[in-house]
């Protein structure tokens, strides 16, 4: 029997992000996912430097699958997705259906082992969420550097949301690693 799970994952490159925004360079879901995985890994490494016991490898896996349902749902803009509680609840149900549909494309034993990676545990959730937002903040930084003021408000909103998370590792990442994203290649 043919299984289409990985072929569908391969289509992440066709899912555009920031669909309601004018961008200087398009970003697809595949790019965002890889960047989110890098950042989640970094955040957990920073956590370990602070005495934490989280496993960086788990953070990477959670991040790799954090937006996979968008292969079937598309990327719904955040202001729409979280406009009110009823839309948020309905979208969560749609995501759950998409997850079930994706996992049904794997042999049962593999699906059972993959299921946990679609939903981070409570201890990893803030790191995956922060990595997701930091990736979006990086996109905003790059767009603003290109002179695209369309991303000014998104930048401010994301920055505030990250601060409100009160996650020391996210603050440390922004201080140490975010500024170079505004630099030229020669400066890097």
Protein backbone atom coordinates (compact mmCIF):
# COMPACT_ATOMS: atom_id res chain seq x y z
CA UNK A 1 0.00 0.00 0.00
CA UNK A 2 1.25 3.46 -0.88
CA UNK A 3 1.45 5.96 1.97
CA UNK A 4 1.17 9.65 1.10
CA UNK A 5 2.23 11.24 4.41
CA UNK A 6 5.75 12.19 3.34
CA UNK A 7 4.66 13.27 -0.13
CA UNK A 8 2.24 15.66 1.56
CA UNK A 9 5.00 16.96 3.85
CA UNK A 10 6.98 17.63 0.68
CA UNK A 11 4.25 20.05 -0.37
CA UNK A 12 5.02 22.39 2.54
CA UNK A 13 7.11 24.38 0.07
CA UNK A 14 3.91 25.35 -1.77
CA UNK A 15 2.15 26.83 1.27
CA UNK A 16 2.84 30.56 1.30
CA UNK A 17 2.94 32.46 4.57
CA UNK A 18 1.94 36.08 5.12
CA UNK A 19 -0.72 35.73 2.42
CA UNK A 20 -2.41 39.03 3.23
CA UNK A 21 0.85 41.00 3.35
CA UNK A 22 2.92 42.48 0.54
CA UNK A 23 6.35 40.89 0.93
CA UNK A 24 9.72 41.74 -0.57
CA UNK A 25 10.47 38.01 -0.69
CA UNK A 26 7.87 35.27 -0.28
CA UNK A 27 8.26 32.81 2.57
CA UNK A 28 6.86 29.30 2.46
CA UNK A 29 5.88 26.94 5.25
CA UNK A 30 8.91 24.74 4.68
CA UNK A 31 11.31 27.65 5.24
CA UNK A 32 9.44 28.77 8.34
CA UNK A 33 9.38 25.26 9.78
CA UNK A 34 13.12 24.77 9.37
CA UNK A 35 13.87 28.14 10.95
CA UNK A 36 11.47 27.40 13.82
CA UNK A 37 13.27 24.08 14.42
CA UNK A 38 16.65 25.82 14.55
CA UNK A 39 15.33 28.40 16.99
CA UNK A 40 13.54 25.84 19.20
CA UNK A 41 16.80 23.92 19.40
CA UNK A 42 18.64 27.11 20.41
CA UNK A 43 16.04 28.04 23.03
CA UNK A 44 16.29 24.64 24.70
CA UNK A 45 20.09 24.80 24.60
CA UNK A 46 19.83 28.19 26.35
CA UNK A 47 17.44 26.58 28.85
CA UNK A 48 19.99 23.88 29.57
CA UNK A 49 22.63 26.56 30.21
CA UNK A 50 20.27 27.88 32.88
CA UNK A 51 20.11 24.44 34.51
CA UNK A 52 17.07 23.11 32.63
CA UNK A 53 16.70 19.49 31.65
CA UNK A 54 14.71 19.74 28.41
CA UNK A 55 16.01 17.72 25.46
CA UNK A 56 17.00 19.78 22.39
CA UNK A 57 16.18 16.88 20.06
CA UNK A 58 12.59 16.78 21.28
CA UNK A 59 12.24 20.51 20.72
CA UNK A 60 13.42 20.08 17.13
CA UNK A 61 10.87 17.32 16.47
CA UNK A 62 8.00 19.32 17.98
CA UNK A 63 9.01 22.30 15.86
CA UNK A 64 9.26 20.24 12.66
CA UNK A 65 5.64 19.17 13.01
CA UNK A 66 4.17 22.31 14.64
CA UNK A 67 2.51 23.62 11.46
CA UNK A 68 2.14 20.45 9.37
CA UNK A 69 -1.63 20.68 9.43
CA UNK A 70 -1.32 23.81 7.28
CA UNK A 71 -0.50 21.49 4.38
CA UNK A 72 -4.23 20.74 4.36
CA UNK A 73 -5.65 23.93 5.91
CA UNK A 74 -3.37 26.56 4.40
CA UNK A 75 -1.90 29.37 6.48
CA UNK A 76 -4.71 31.31 8.13
CA UNK A 77 -3.47 34.77 9.14
CA UNK A 78 -2.99 35.15 12.92
CA UNK A 79 -5.35 38.14 13.27
CA UNK A 80 -8.12 36.02 11.74
CA UNK A 81 -7.22 32.80 13.57
CA UNK A 82 -7.35 34.47 16.99
CA UNK A 83 -9.97 37.17 16.36
CA UNK A 84 -12.37 35.71 18.93
CA UNK A 85 -12.86 32.58 21.00
CA UNK A 86 -15.37 30.94 18.64
CA UNK A 87 -13.07 31.27 15.60
CA UNK A 88 -10.10 30.07 17.66
CA UNK A 89 -12.06 27.03 18.88
CA UNK A 90 -13.35 26.23 15.39
CA UNK A 91 -9.86 26.53 13.91
CA UNK A 92 -8.44 24.20 16.59
CA UNK A 93 -11.06 21.63 15.53
CA UNK A 94 -10.09 22.07 11.87
CA UNK A 95 -6.41 21.60 12.80
CA UNK A 96 -7.26 18.44 14.74
CA UNK A 97 -9.14 17.05 11.72
CA UNK A 98 -6.19 17.90 9.47
CA UNK A 99 -3.82 16.15 11.89
CA UNK A 100 -5.99 13.04 11.87
CA UNK A 101 -6.16 13.13 8.06
CA UNK A 102 -2.38 13.48 7.76
CA UNK A 103 -1.57 10.73 10.23
CA UNK A 104 -4.07 8.38 8.55
CA UNK A 105 -1.68 8.36 5.60
CA UNK A 106 0.91 6.43 7.62
CA UNK A 107 0.93 2.77 8.61
CA UNK A 108 -0.77 2.50 12.02
CA UNK A 109 2.39 1.73 14.04
CA UNK A 110 4.18 4.77 12.55
CA UNK A 111 1.14 6.99 13.05
CA UNK A 112 1.02 6.01 16.71
CA UNK A 113 4.67 6.98 17.14
CA UNK A 114 4.27 10.24 15.19
CA UNK A 115 1.12 11.51 16.93
CA UNK A 116 2.87 12.94 20.01
CA UNK A 117 5.15 15.15 17.90
CA UNK A 118 2.16 17.13 16.60
CA UNK A 119 1.34 18.46 20.08
CA UNK A 120 4.18 19.61 22.34
CA UNK A 121 3.99 18.63 25.99
CA UNK A 122 3.33 21.38 28.50
CA UNK A 123 7.03 21.82 29.30
CA UNK A 124 8.03 22.22 25.63
CA UNK A 125 5.01 24.26 24.47
CA UNK A 126 6.38 27.70 25.47
CA UNK A 127 9.64 27.02 23.64
CA UNK A 128 7.92 25.93 20.43
CA UNK A 129 5.54 28.89 20.60
CA UNK A 130 8.44 31.28 21.22
CA UNK A 131 10.45 29.76 18.36
CA UNK A 132 7.43 30.15 16.06
CA UNK A 133 7.03 33.81 17.02
CA UNK A 134 10.77 34.48 16.79
CA UNK A 135 10.79 33.08 13.27
CA UNK A 136 7.95 35.45 12.37
CA UNK A 137 9.83 38.32 14.03
CA UNK A 138 12.88 37.49 11.92
CA UNK A 139 10.71 37.66 8.79
CA UNK A 140 9.43 41.07 9.92
CA UNK A 141 13.02 42.22 10.57
CA UNK A 142 14.09 41.16 7.08
CA UNK A 143 11.08 42.83 5.46
CA UNK A 144 11.66 46.08 7.36
CA UNK A 145 15.33 46.02 6.42
CA UNK A 146 14.18 45.82 2.78
CA UNK A 147 12.16 49.00 3.37
CA UNK A 148 8.80 47.25 3.61
CA UNK A 149 6.79 49.15 6.23
CA UNK A 150 3.90 46.75 5.77
CA UNK A 151 5.59 44.68 8.49
CA UNK A 152 6.05 47.45 11.08
CA UNK A 153 2.89 46.67 13.02
CA UNK A 154 3.43 42.90 12.85
CA UNK A 155 6.96 43.44 14.19
CA UNK A 156 5.68 45.48 17.15
CA UNK A 157 2.88 43.00 17.88
CA UNK A 158 5.24 40.01 17.78
CA UNK A 159 7.84 41.73 19.91
CA UNK A 160 5.22 42.53 22.54
CA UNK A 161 3.85 38.96 22.44
CA UNK A 162 7.32 37.50 22.93
CA UNK A 163 8.00 39.82 25.88
CA UNK A 164 4.64 38.85 27.40
CA UNK A 165 5.66 35.19 27.31
CA UNK A 166 8.23 36.00 30.00
CA UNK A 167 10.52 33.28 28.71
CA UNK A 168 14.11 34.19 29.64
CA UNK A 169 15.53 32.10 26.81
CA UNK A 170 13.48 34.01 24.23
CA UNK A 171 14.72 37.31 25.66
CA UNK A 172 18.30 36.01 25.55
CA UNK A 173 17.83 34.85 21.95
CA UNK A 174 16.56 38.29 20.95
CA UNK A 175 19.52 40.02 22.62
CA UNK A 176 22.22 37.70 21.29
CA UNK A 177 20.98 36.33 18.01
CA UNK A 178 18.28 38.62 16.58
CA UNK A 179 20.35 41.76 15.75
CA UNK A 180 22.50 40.05 13.08
CA UNK A 181 19.36 39.30 11.05
CA UNK A 182 19.35 43.01 10.16
CA UNK A 183 22.95 42.95 8.92
CA UNK A 184 24.32 42.69 5.40
CA UNK A 185 26.25 39.62 4.27
CA UNK A 186 29.49 41.61 4.36
CA UNK A 187 28.80 42.66 7.95
CA UNK A 188 28.01 39.07 8.92
